[in-house]
Protein backbone atom coordinates (compact mmCIF):
# COMPACT_ATOMS: atom_id res chain seq x y z
CA UNK A 1 -0.42 0.12 -0.17
CA UNK A 2 2.86 2.33 1.07
CA UNK A 3 4.99 1.17 -1.79
CA UNK A 4 1.81 2.01 -4.11
CA UNK A 5 1.66 5.88 -3.08
CA UNK A 6 5.82 6.43 -3.53
CA UNK A 7 6.20 4.40 -6.93
CA UNK A 8 5.52 7.58 -9.28
CA UNK A 9 7.37 9.96 -7.34
CA UNK A 10 11.13 8.14 -7.72
CA UNK A 11 10.51 8.78 -11.86
CA UNK A 12 9.66 12.40 -10.89
CA UNK A 13 12.20 12.95 -8.66
CA UNK A 14 14.89 11.40 -11.32
CA UNK A 15 13.22 13.62 -13.77
CA UNK A 16 13.45 16.79 -11.60
CA UNK A 17 17.75 15.88 -11.17
CA UNK A 18 18.45 15.46 -14.68
CA UNK A 19 16.60 18.74 -15.04
CA UNK A 20 18.80 20.69 -12.44
CA UNK A 21 21.86 18.57 -13.96
CA UNK A 22 21.26 20.25 -17.29
CA UNK A 23 20.62 23.46 -16.35
CA UNK A 24 23.54 23.49 -14.13
CA UNK A 25 25.84 22.26 -16.53
CA UNK A 26 24.43 24.95 -19.04
CA UNK A 27 24.87 27.46 -16.67
CA UNK A 28 28.61 26.64 -15.73
CA UNK A 29 29.53 26.36 -19.65
CA UNK A 30 27.86 29.79 -19.95
CA UNK A 31 29.73 31.48 -17.16
CA UNK A 32 32.90 29.96 -18.47
CA UNK A 33 32.53 31.31 -21.94
CA UNK A 34 31.20 34.54 -20.78
CA UNK A 35 34.74 35.07 -18.72
CA UNK A 36 36.63 34.41 -22.05
CA UNK A 37 34.10 35.62 -24.56
CA UNK A 38 35.73 39.71 -24.59
CA UNK A 39 38.99 38.78 -24.54
CA UNK A 40 38.36 36.49 -27.70
CA UNK A 41 36.61 38.95 -29.20
CA UNK A 42 39.45 41.91 -28.38
CA UNK A 43 42.37 39.34 -29.75
CA UNK A 44 42.84 40.59 -33.20
CA UNK A 45 43.18 43.87 -32.38
CA UNK A 46 45.51 43.09 -29.60
CA UNK A 47 47.78 41.12 -32.21
CA UNK A 48 47.65 43.89 -34.65
CA UNK A 49 48.63 46.38 -32.42
CA UNK A 50 45.24 48.69 -32.70
CA UNK A 51 45.16 48.20 -28.83
CA UNK A 52 47.16 47.55 -25.49
CA UNK A 53 46.67 44.95 -23.13
CA UNK A 54 45.49 47.54 -20.55
CA UNK A 55 42.40 48.34 -23.16
CA UNK A 56 42.01 44.59 -23.31
CA UNK A 57 41.61 44.08 -19.47
CA UNK A 58 39.40 47.47 -18.89
CA UNK A 59 36.91 46.14 -21.52
CA UNK A 60 36.85 42.52 -19.88
CA UNK A 61 36.13 44.24 -16.60
CA UNK A 62 33.46 46.21 -18.41
CA UNK A 63 31.85 43.29 -19.75
CA UNK A 64 32.42 41.47 -16.80
CA UNK A 65 30.15 43.75 -14.90
CA UNK A 66 27.36 44.15 -17.98
CA UNK A 67 27.37 40.00 -17.76
CA UNK A 68 26.86 40.53 -13.64
CA UNK A 69 24.04 42.37 -14.04
CA UNK A 70 21.97 40.58 -16.40
CA UNK A 71 22.63 37.19 -15.01
CA UNK A 72 20.20 38.01 -12.28
CA UNK A 73 17.40 35.45 -14.17
CA UNK A 74 20.16 32.64 -14.14
CA UNK A 75 21.55 33.15 -10.88
CA UNK A 76 18.10 33.29 -9.49
CA UNK A 77 16.53 30.38 -11.40
CA UNK A 78 15.79 28.32 -8.52
CA UNK A 79 14.07 30.40 -6.43
CA UNK A 80 11.77 31.71 -9.53
CA UNK A 81 10.72 28.08 -10.19
CA UNK A 82 9.96 27.93 -6.48
CA UNK A 83 8.14 30.91 -6.20
CA UNK A 84 6.48 29.68 -9.71
CA UNK A 85 5.60 26.68 -8.20
CA UNK A 86 4.16 27.85 -4.89
CA UNK A 87 1.94 30.31 -6.87
CA UNK A 88 0.69 27.33 -9.07
CA UNK A 89 -0.14 25.39 -6.00
CA UNK A 90 -2.05 27.68 -4.18
CA UNK A 91 -4.38 28.67 -7.31
CA UNK A 92 -4.72 25.16 -7.58
CA UNK A 93 -6.12 25.22 -4.03
CA UNK A 94 -8.01 28.25 -4.50
CA UNK A 95 -9.83 26.43 -7.92
CA UNK A 96 -10.41 23.01 -5.58
CA UNK A 97 -12.16 25.08 -2.62
CA UNK A 98 -14.63 27.15 -4.97
CA UNK A 99 -15.38 24.19 -7.50
CA UNK A 100 -16.36 21.72 -4.80
CA UNK A 101 -17.58 23.30 -1.91
CA UNK A 102 -21.58 24.07 -2.08
CA UNK A 103 -20.83 27.70 -0.74
CA UNK A 104 -17.80 29.23 -2.24
CA UNK A 105 -18.61 32.43 -0.17
CA UNK A 106 -18.53 30.49 2.92
CA UNK A 107 -14.78 29.22 2.68
CA UNK A 108 -13.39 32.87 2.19
CA UNK A 109 -14.61 35.42 4.97
CA UNK A 110 -12.89 38.74 4.98
CA UNK A 111 -12.71 40.79 7.88
């Protein structure tokens, strides 16, 4: 009896962990690429003598700050999904109360 209740949870947890693994892998690859990207883009100018190493360093630092500002959603994705799941559960709970109760006005009383 108890095993039947938890039988469906195991595949769901495996699916959930796989999605977290894929997201963390993508997020880490993105973070590593964003560290190297400005230097790769500026390397031809450095080697041709148009700019100096100091300019590349300043550009890399500026790019890093802009990237940090835009990566807010990537850094907070777990919290955002938890918040969205709470909203979804509350809406389902409210819908269940309203549709399955004979008098919906008696369920919620505002004081």
